[in-house]
Every structure is written in structure tokens, then in C-alpha cells.
Amino acid sequence: MPVDTIEELRAELRECVFTPAERKALEAELAELIRQRNEALAAEGGISPLLLHLTVHRRYGSLVR
């Protein structure tokens, strides 16, 4: 799972200055990686997709679609 990539993108978004277009692209990439991670966790059977979505949405707001 791309956990390291997710953390790297989060750090970049926190610490770097981007143009609006660059920031939007990075946020979209981060949201997609989070979605993929959530699907993999749900497929493992321990967590419902709805619970994962609600938990992540509460934590990351608009970054998750």
C-alpha cells in the first residue's frame, strides 16, 4: 500500500508553496491514493467501506471524494 507516498504528499502539501493548479493536482493525487488504500482495507474484510469513508472524510475533509 502506498502509505509512504500518502505521507510524502501530505508533507509536501503542508511544507511547500505551490501554484493553485499544482496544489489541486497534488490534492487529487492524494485523494486517489487514500481511496485506493480504503478499498484495499475494505477488501481485507475488517472495515466497512462506509465507515472508512466517514472516518477519512471527517479527518481530511475535502481531500477525499
C-alpha atoms as a PDB file:
ATOM      1  CA  MET A   1       0.000   0.000   0.000  1.00  0.00           C
ATOM      2  CA  PRO A   2       1.289   3.455  -0.816  1.00  0.00           C
ATOM      3  CA  VAL A   3       1.352   4.692   2.794  1.00  0.00           C
ATOM      4  CA  ASP A   4       4.789   6.263   2.343  1.00  0.00           C
ATOM      5  CA  THR A   5       3.557   8.061  -0.777  1.00  0.00           C
ATOM      6  CA  ILE A   6       0.487   9.321   1.083  1.00  0.00           C
ATOM      7  CA  GLU A   7       2.652  10.674   3.892  1.00  0.00           C
ATOM      8  CA  GLU A   8       5.083  12.267   1.432  1.00  0.00           C
ATOM      9  CA  LEU A   9       2.242  14.061  -0.363  1.00  0.00           C
ATOM     10  CA  ARG A  10       0.789  15.269   2.934  1.00  0.00           C
ATOM     11  CA  ALA A  11       4.189  16.661   3.929  1.00  0.00           C
ATOM     12  CA  GLU A  12       4.607  18.392   0.574  1.00  0.00           C
ATOM     13  CA  LEU A  13       1.174  19.996   0.845  1.00  0.00           C
ATOM     14  CA  ARG A  14       1.984  21.230   4.363  1.00  0.00           C
ATOM     15  CA  GLU A  15       5.513  22.463   3.773  1.00  0.00           C
ATOM     16  CA  CYS A  16       5.766  23.641   0.168  1.00  0.00           C
ATOM     17  CA  VAL A  17       4.402  26.525  -1.845  1.00  0.00           C
ATOM     18  CA  PHE A  18       2.528  25.544  -4.996  1.00  0.00           C
ATOM     19  CA  THR A  19       0.575  27.311  -7.668  1.00  0.00           C
ATOM     20  CA  PRO A  20      -3.175  26.732  -7.356  1.00  0.00           C
ATOM     21  CA  ALA A  21      -3.034  24.268 -10.263  1.00  0.00           C
ATOM     22  CA  GLU A  22      -0.138  22.312  -8.717  1.00  0.00           C
ATOM     23  CA  ARG A  23      -1.879  22.169  -5.334  1.00  0.00           C
ATOM     24  CA  LYS A  24      -5.105  20.962  -6.930  1.00  0.00           C
ATOM     25  CA  ALA A  25      -3.223  18.211  -8.801  1.00  0.00           C
ATOM     26  CA  LEU A  26      -1.438  17.062  -5.634  1.00  0.00           C
ATOM     27  CA  GLU A  27      -4.686  17.077  -3.653  1.00  0.00           C
ATOM     28  CA  ALA A  28      -6.327  14.961  -6.369  1.00  0.00           C
ATOM     29  CA  GLU A  29      -3.412  12.515  -6.306  1.00  0.00           C
ATOM     30  CA  LEU A  30      -3.602  12.297  -2.515  1.00  0.00           C
ATOM     31  CA  ALA A  31      -7.365  11.723  -2.591  1.00  0.00           C
ATOM     32  CA  GLU A  32      -6.931   8.918  -5.139  1.00  0.00           C
ATOM     33  CA  LEU A  33      -4.232   7.203  -3.062  1.00  0.00           C
ATOM     34  CA  ILE A  34      -6.424   7.435   0.042  1.00  0.00           C
ATOM     35  CA  ARG A  35      -9.362   5.984  -1.925  1.00  0.00           C
ATOM     36  CA  GLN A  36      -7.195   3.075  -3.133  1.00  0.00           C
ATOM     37  CA  ARG A  37      -5.944   2.416   0.392  1.00  0.00           C
ATOM     38  CA  ASN A  38      -9.504   2.445   1.731  1.00  0.00           C
ATOM     39  CA  GLU A  39     -10.667   0.000  -0.921  1.00  0.00           C
ATOM     40  CA  ALA A  40      -7.801  -2.346  -0.073  1.00  0.00           C
ATOM     41  CA  LEU A  41      -8.605  -2.167   3.644  1.00  0.00           C
ATOM     42  CA  ALA A  42     -12.285  -2.808   2.959  1.00  0.00           C
ATOM     43  CA  ALA A  43     -11.397  -5.761   0.703  1.00  0.00           C
ATOM     44  CA  GLU A  44      -9.424  -7.299   3.549  1.00  0.00           C
ATOM     45  CA  GLY A  45     -12.754  -7.560   5.321  1.00  0.00           C
ATOM     46  CA  GLY A  46     -12.137  -5.881   8.630  1.00  0.00           C
ATOM     47  CA  ILE A  47     -13.628  -2.480   7.937  1.00  0.00           C
ATOM     48  CA  SER A  48     -16.747  -1.442   6.055  1.00  0.00           C
ATOM     49  CA  PRO A  49     -16.249   0.926   3.101  1.00  0.00           C
ATOM     50  CA  LEU A  50     -18.809   3.341   4.574  1.00  0.00           C
ATOM     51  CA  LEU A  51     -17.012   3.506   7.927  1.00  0.00           C
ATOM     52  CA  LEU A  52     -13.686   4.084   6.174  1.00  0.00           C
ATOM     53  CA  HIS A  53     -15.167   6.874   4.064  1.00  0.00           C
ATOM     54  CA  LEU A  54     -16.759   8.598   7.044  1.00  0.00           C
ATOM     55  CA  THR A  55     -13.625   8.325   9.163  1.00  0.00           C
ATOM     56  CA  VAL A  56     -11.303   9.640   6.474  1.00  0.00           C
ATOM     57  CA  HIS A  57     -13.736  12.351   5.350  1.00  0.00           C
ATOM     58  CA  ARG A  58     -14.003  13.604   8.923  1.00  0.00           C
ATOM     59  CA  ARG A  59     -10.199  13.706   9.192  1.00  0.00           C
ATOM     60  CA  TYR A  60      -9.242  15.054   5.756  1.00  0.00           C
ATOM     61  CA  GLY A  61     -12.344  16.921   4.652  1.00  0.00           C
ATOM     62  CA  SER A  62     -12.434  17.882   1.022  1.00  0.00           C
ATOM     63  CA  LEU A  63      -9.352  15.858   0.090  1.00  0.00           C
ATOM     64  CA  VAL A  64     -11.429  12.692  -0.021  1.00  0.00           C
ATOM     65  CA  ARG A  65     -14.170  12.159  -2.548  1.00  0.00           C
END
